[in-house]
PDB file of N, CA and C in Angstrom:
ATOM      1  N   ARG A   1      -0.225   0.856  23.699  1.00  0.00           N
ATOM      2  CA  ARG A   1      -1.114   2.004  23.784  1.00  0.00           C
ATOM      3  C   ARG A   1      -0.659   3.010  22.719  1.00  0.00           C
ATOM      4  N   CYS A   2      -1.707   3.487  22.008  1.00  0.00           N
ATOM      5  CA  CYS A   2      -1.448   4.532  20.952  1.00  0.00           C
ATOM      6  C   CYS A   2      -1.149   5.849  21.626  1.00  0.00           C
ATOM      7  N   GLU A   3      -0.001   6.432  21.206  1.00  0.00           N
ATOM      8  CA  GLU A   3       0.413   7.717  21.761  1.00  0.00           C
ATOM      9  C   GLU A   3      -0.458   8.865  21.308  1.00  0.00           C
ATOM     10  N   ALA A   4      -1.107   8.727  20.143  1.00  0.00           N
ATOM     11  CA  ALA A   4      -1.935   9.779  19.590  1.00  0.00           C
ATOM     12  C   ALA A   4      -3.263   9.854  20.239  1.00  0.00           C
ATOM     13  N   CYS A   5      -3.954   8.704  20.425  1.00  0.00           N
ATOM     14  CA  CYS A   5      -5.330   8.708  20.937  1.00  0.00           C
ATOM     15  C   CYS A   5      -5.475   8.004  22.256  1.00  0.00           C
ATOM     16  N   GLY A   6      -4.504   7.234  22.742  1.00  0.00           N
ATOM     17  CA  GLY A   6      -4.548   6.580  24.042  1.00  0.00           C
ATOM     18  C   GLY A   6      -5.238   5.227  24.009  1.00  0.00           C
ATOM     19  N   LYS A   7      -5.658   4.703  22.859  1.00  0.00           N
ATOM     20  CA  LYS A   7      -6.282   3.409  22.795  1.00  0.00           C
ATOM     21  C   LYS A   7      -5.323   2.355  23.098  1.00  0.00           C
ATOM     22  N   ALA A   8      -5.780   1.362  23.964  1.00  0.00           N
ATOM     23  CA  ALA A   8      -4.864   0.302  24.322  1.00  0.00           C
ATOM     24  C   ALA A   8      -5.178  -0.970  23.575  1.00  0.00           C
ATOM     25  N   TYR A   9      -4.137  -1.798  23.372  1.00  0.00           N
ATOM     26  CA  TYR A   9      -4.304  -3.029  22.618  1.00  0.00           C
ATOM     27  C   TYR A   9      -3.667  -4.158  23.392  1.00  0.00           C
ATOM     28  N   ALA A  10      -4.256  -5.370  23.353  1.00  0.00           N
ATOM     29  CA  ALA A  10      -3.696  -6.545  24.023  1.00  0.00           C
ATOM     30  C   ALA A  10      -2.483  -7.092  23.377  1.00  0.00           C
ATOM     31  N   GLN A  11      -2.464  -6.968  22.060  1.00  0.00           N
ATOM     32  CA  GLN A  11      -1.313  -7.513  21.279  1.00  0.00           C
ATOM     33  C   GLN A  11      -0.653  -6.305  20.501  1.00  0.00           C
ATOM     34  N   PRO A  12       0.691  -6.380  20.322  1.00  0.00           N
ATOM     35  CA  PRO A  12       1.362  -5.345  19.597  1.00  0.00           C
ATOM     36  C   PRO A  12       0.854  -5.225  18.130  1.00  0.00           C
ATOM     37  N   ALA A  13       0.413  -6.315  17.556  1.00  0.00           N
ATOM     38  CA  ALA A  13      -0.070  -6.268  16.181  1.00  0.00           C
ATOM     39  C   ALA A  13      -1.303  -5.362  16.065  1.00  0.00           C
ATOM     40  N   GLY A  14      -2.111  -5.258  17.051  1.00  0.00           N
ATOM     41  CA  GLY A  14      -3.283  -4.375  17.060  1.00  0.00           C
ATOM     42  C   GLY A  14      -2.870  -2.921  16.936  1.00  0.00           C
ATOM     43  N   LEU A  15      -1.815  -2.524  17.621  1.00  0.00           N
ATOM     44  CA  LEU A  15      -1.319  -1.140  17.546  1.00  0.00           C
ATOM     45  C   LEU A  15      -0.704  -0.930  16.178  1.00  0.00           C
ATOM     46  N   ARG A  16      -0.006  -1.869  15.635  1.00  0.00           N
ATOM     47  CA  ARG A  16       0.605  -1.669  14.290  1.00  0.00           C
ATOM     48  C   ARG A  16      -0.474  -1.496  13.266  1.00  0.00           C
ATOM     49  N   HIS A  17      -1.624  -2.254  13.391  1.00  0.00           N
ATOM     50  CA  HIS A  17      -2.697  -2.122  12.457  1.00  0.00           C
ATOM     51  C   HIS A  17      -3.396  -0.778  12.618  1.00  0.00           C
ATOM     52  N   HIS A  18      -3.517  -0.318  13.885  1.00  0.00           N
ATOM     53  CA  HIS A  18      -4.186   0.955  14.167  1.00  0.00           C
ATOM     54  C   HIS A  18      -3.379   2.149  13.667  1.00  0.00           C
ATOM     55  N   GLN A  19      -2.107   2.095  13.843  1.00  0.00           N
ATOM     56  CA  GLN A  19      -1.195   3.219  13.489  1.00  0.00           C
ATOM     57  C   GLN A  19       0.033   2.683  12.784  1.00  0.00           C
ATOM     58  N   PRO A  20      -0.062   2.363  11.500  1.00  0.00           N
ATOM     59  CA  PRO A  20       1.112   1.822  10.819  1.00  0.00           C
ATOM     60  C   PRO A  20       2.257   2.862  10.718  1.00  0.00           C
ATOM     61  N   GLU A  21       3.479   2.325  10.923  1.00  0.00           N
ATOM     62  CA  GLU A  21       4.628   3.196  10.849  1.00  0.00           C
ATOM     63  C   GLU A  21       4.879   3.703   9.453  1.00  0.00           C
ATOM     64  N   GLN A  22       4.816   2.756   8.485  1.00  0.00           N
ATOM     65  CA  GLN A  22       5.054   3.207   7.099  1.00  0.00           C
ATOM     66  C   GLN A  22       4.073   2.431   6.203  1.00  0.00           C
ATOM     67  N   PRO A  23       2.953   3.058   5.876  1.00  0.00           N
ATOM     68  CA  PRO A  23       2.043   2.376   4.942  1.00  0.00           C
ATOM     69  C   PRO A  23       2.676   2.136   3.606  1.00  0.00           C
ATOM     70  N   LEU A  24       2.309   1.122   2.947  1.00  0.00           N
ATOM     71  CA  LEU A  24       2.896   0.765   1.645  1.00  0.00           C
ATOM     72  C   LEU A  24       2.095   1.508   0.550  1.00  0.00           C
ATOM     73  N   GLY A  25       2.747   2.230  -0.303  1.00  0.00           N
ATOM     74  CA  GLY A  25       2.057   3.017  -1.286  1.00  0.00           C
ATOM     75  C   GLY A  25       2.185   2.509  -2.695  1.00  0.00           C
ATOM     76  N   CYS A  26       1.173   2.663  -3.516  1.00  0.00           N
ATOM     77  CA  CYS A  26       1.193   2.323  -4.897  1.00  0.00           C
ATOM     78  C   CYS A  26       1.903   3.424  -5.664  1.00  0.00           C
ATOM     79  N   PRO A  27       2.913   3.061  -6.420  1.00  0.00           N
ATOM     80  CA  PRO A  27       3.673   4.061  -7.194  1.00  0.00           C
ATOM     81  C   PRO A  27       2.883   4.682  -8.349  1.00  0.00           C
ATOM     82  N   HIS A  28       1.746   4.051  -8.731  1.00  0.00           N
ATOM     83  CA  HIS A  28       0.974   4.474  -9.885  1.00  0.00           C
ATOM     84  C   HIS A  28      -0.137   5.442  -9.487  1.00  0.00           C
ATOM     85  N   CYS A  29      -0.819   5.141  -8.361  1.00  0.00           N
ATOM     86  CA  CYS A  29      -2.030   5.964  -8.078  1.00  0.00           C
ATOM     87  C   CYS A  29      -1.964   6.549  -6.629  1.00  0.00           C
ATOM     88  N   GLY A  30      -1.022   6.153  -5.825  1.00  0.00           N
ATOM     89  CA  GLY A  30      -0.885   6.664  -4.475  1.00  0.00           C
ATOM     90  C   GLY A  30      -1.715   5.981  -3.412  1.00  0.00           C
ATOM     91  N   ALA A  31      -2.466   4.927  -3.741  1.00  0.00           N
ATOM     92  CA  ALA A  31      -3.225   4.227  -2.734  1.00  0.00           C
ATOM     93  C   ALA A  31      -2.294   3.623  -1.699  1.00  0.00           C
ATOM     94  N   ALA A  32      -2.714   3.558  -0.462  1.00  0.00           N
ATOM     95  CA  ALA A  32      -1.831   3.029   0.620  1.00  0.00           C
ATOM     96  C   ALA A  32      -2.414   1.795   1.246  1.00  0.00           C
ATOM     97  N   PHE A  33      -1.536   0.858   1.618  1.00  0.00           N
ATOM     98  CA  PHE A  33      -1.958  -0.440   2.194  1.00  0.00           C
ATOM     99  C   PHE A  33      -1.077  -0.749   3.394  1.00  0.00           C
ATOM    100  N   LEU A  34      -1.636  -1.497   4.359  1.00  0.00           N
ATOM    101  CA  LEU A  34      -0.881  -1.901   5.506  1.00  0.00           C
ATOM    102  C   LEU A  34      -0.061  -3.164   5.269  1.00  0.00           C
ATOM    103  N   TRP A  35      -0.568  -4.014   4.375  1.00  0.00           N
ATOM    104  CA  TRP A  35       0.121  -5.311   4.113  1.00  0.00           C
ATOM    105  C   TRP A  35       0.608  -5.412   2.665  1.00  0.00           C
ATOM    106  N   SER A  36       1.761  -6.011   2.523  1.00  0.00           N
ATOM    107  CA  SER A  36       2.341  -6.098   1.192  1.00  0.00           C
ATOM    108  C   SER A  36       1.507  -6.997   0.258  1.00  0.00           C
ATOM    109  N   CYS A  37       0.818  -7.971   0.814  1.00  0.00           N
ATOM    110  CA  CYS A  37       0.000  -8.845  -0.011  1.00  0.00           C
ATOM    111  C   CYS A  37      -1.176  -8.033  -0.606  1.00  0.00           C
ATOM    112  N   ARG A  38      -1.720  -7.101   0.111  1.00  0.00           N
ATOM    113  CA  ARG A  38      -2.801  -6.275  -0.428  1.00  0.00           C
ATOM    114  C   ARG A  38      -2.226  -5.310  -1.461  1.00  0.00           C
ATOM    115  N   LEU A  39      -1.071  -4.782  -1.258  1.00  0.00           N
ATOM    116  CA  LEU A  39      -0.434  -3.937  -2.229  1.00  0.00           C
ATOM    117  C   LEU A  39      -0.163  -4.678  -3.531  1.00  0.00           C
ATOM    118  N   ALA A  40       0.309  -5.944  -3.380  1.00  0.00           N
ATOM    119  CA  ALA A  40       0.625  -6.775  -4.546  1.00  0.00           C
ATOM    120  C   ALA A  40      -0.660  -7.044  -5.344  1.00  0.00           C
ATOM    121  N   ARG A  41      -1.759  -7.334  -4.631  1.00  0.00           N
ATOM    122  CA  ARG A  41      -3.033  -7.570  -5.370  1.00  0.00           C
ATOM    123  C   ARG A  41      -3.501  -6.345  -6.097  1.00  0.00           C
ATOM    124  N   HIS A  42      -3.329  -5.167  -5.443  1.00  0.00           N
ATOM    125  CA  HIS A  42      -3.693  -3.898  -6.028  1.00  0.00           C
ATOM    126  C   HIS A  42      -2.844  -3.612  -7.264  1.00  0.00           C
ATOM    127  N   LEU A  43      -1.583  -3.884  -7.193  1.00  0.00           N
ATOM    128  CA  LEU A  43      -0.643  -3.595  -8.302  1.00  0.00           C
ATOM    129  C   LEU A  43      -0.966  -4.405  -9.510  1.00  0.00           C
ATOM    130  N   ARG A  44      -1.467  -5.638  -9.343  1.00  0.00           N
ATOM    131  CA  ARG A  44      -1.854  -6.442 -10.480  1.00  0.00           C
ATOM    132  C   ARG A  44      -2.958  -5.746 -11.316  1.00  0.00           C
ATOM    133  N   ALA A  45      -3.836  -4.996 -10.663  1.00  0.00           N
ATOM    134  CA  ALA A  45      -4.965  -4.349 -11.342  1.00  0.00           C
ATOM    135  C   ALA A  45      -4.629  -2.922 -11.725  1.00  0.00           C
ATOM    136  N   CYS A  46      -3.649  -2.298 -11.046  1.00  0.00           N
ATOM    137  CA  CYS A  46      -3.396  -0.863 -11.207  1.00  0.00           C
ATOM    138  C   CYS A  46      -2.215  -0.528 -12.113  1.00  0.00           C
ATOM    139  N   ARG A  47      -1.413  -1.484 -12.463  1.00  0.00           N
ATOM    140  CA  ARG A  47      -0.184  -1.172 -13.239  1.00  0.00           C
ATOM    141  C   ARG A  47      -0.542  -0.648 -14.624  1.00  0.00           C
ATOM    142  N   PRO A  48       0.274   0.246 -15.099  1.00  0.00           N
ATOM    143  CA  PRO A  48       0.024   0.830 -16.458  1.00  0.00           C
ATOM    144  C   PRO A  48       0.187  -0.259 -17.511  1.00  0.00           C
ATOM    145  N   PRO A  49      -0.476  -0.108 -18.630  1.00  0.00           N
ATOM    146  CA  PRO A  49      -0.367  -1.139 -19.674  1.00  0.00           C
ATOM    147  C   PRO A  49       1.042  -1.170 -20.253  1.00  0.00           C
ATOM    148  N   VAL A  50       1.488  -2.366 -20.574  1.00  0.00           N
ATOM    149  CA  VAL A  50       2.826  -2.555 -21.153  1.00  0.00           C
ATOM    150  C   VAL A  50       2.680  -2.550 -22.661  1.00  0.00           C
ATOM    151  N   LYS A  51       3.460  -1.698 -23.294  1.00  0.00           N
ATOM    152  CA  LYS A  51       3.413  -1.623 -24.793  1.00  0.00           C
ATOM    153  C   LYS A  51       4.802  -2.034 -25.299  1.00  0.00           C
ATOM    154  N   PRO A  52       4.936  -3.349 -25.685  1.00  0.00           N
ATOM    155  CA  PRO A  52       6.282  -3.815 -26.096  1.00  0.00           C
ATOM    156  C   PRO A  52       6.742  -3.237 -27.437  1.00  0.00           C
ATOM    157  N   TYR A  53       5.839  -2.699 -28.219  1.00  0.00           N
ATOM    158  CA  TYR A  53       6.218  -2.206 -29.531  1.00  0.00           C
ATOM    159  C   TYR A  53       6.006  -0.740 -29.631  1.00  0.00           C
ATOM    160  N   LYS A  54       6.926  -0.014 -30.278  1.00  0.00           N
ATOM    161  CA  LYS A  54       6.732   1.393 -30.492  1.00  0.00           C
ATOM    162  C   LYS A  54       6.308   1.667 -31.905  1.00  0.00           C
ATOM    163  N   CYS A  55       5.517   2.716 -32.030  1.00  0.00           N
ATOM    164  CA  CYS A  55       5.069   3.121 -33.369  1.00  0.00           C
ATOM    165  C   CYS A  55       6.254   3.660 -34.131  1.00  0.00           C
ATOM    166  N   PRO A  56       6.521   3.176 -35.392  1.00  0.00           N
ATOM    167  CA  PRO A  56       7.691   3.649 -36.119  1.00  0.00           C
ATOM    168  C   PRO A  56       7.566   5.086 -36.561  1.00  0.00           C
ATOM    169  N   GLU A  57       6.339   5.638 -36.531  1.00  0.00           N
ATOM    170  CA  GLU A  57       6.159   7.016 -36.978  1.00  0.00           C
ATOM    171  C   GLU A  57       6.323   8.033 -35.825  1.00  0.00           C
ATOM    172  N   CYS A  58       6.194   7.555 -34.615  1.00  0.00           N
ATOM    173  CA  CYS A  58       6.255   8.474 -33.477  1.00  0.00           C
ATOM    174  C   CYS A  58       7.699   8.591 -32.990  1.00  0.00           C
TER     175      CYS A  58
END
């Protein structure tokens, strides 16, 4: 049972989905996800571009 709203769930997983203890956050844009697989998929699209070479003039 959710302590905030009183909604009851048959399985503990339902409550975890309803009220996650620690949502997983993207370090680049702040988007939050309940599952690490969804965060990983998001990170593949959201990561900043990698620039292996530096400009010699900058």
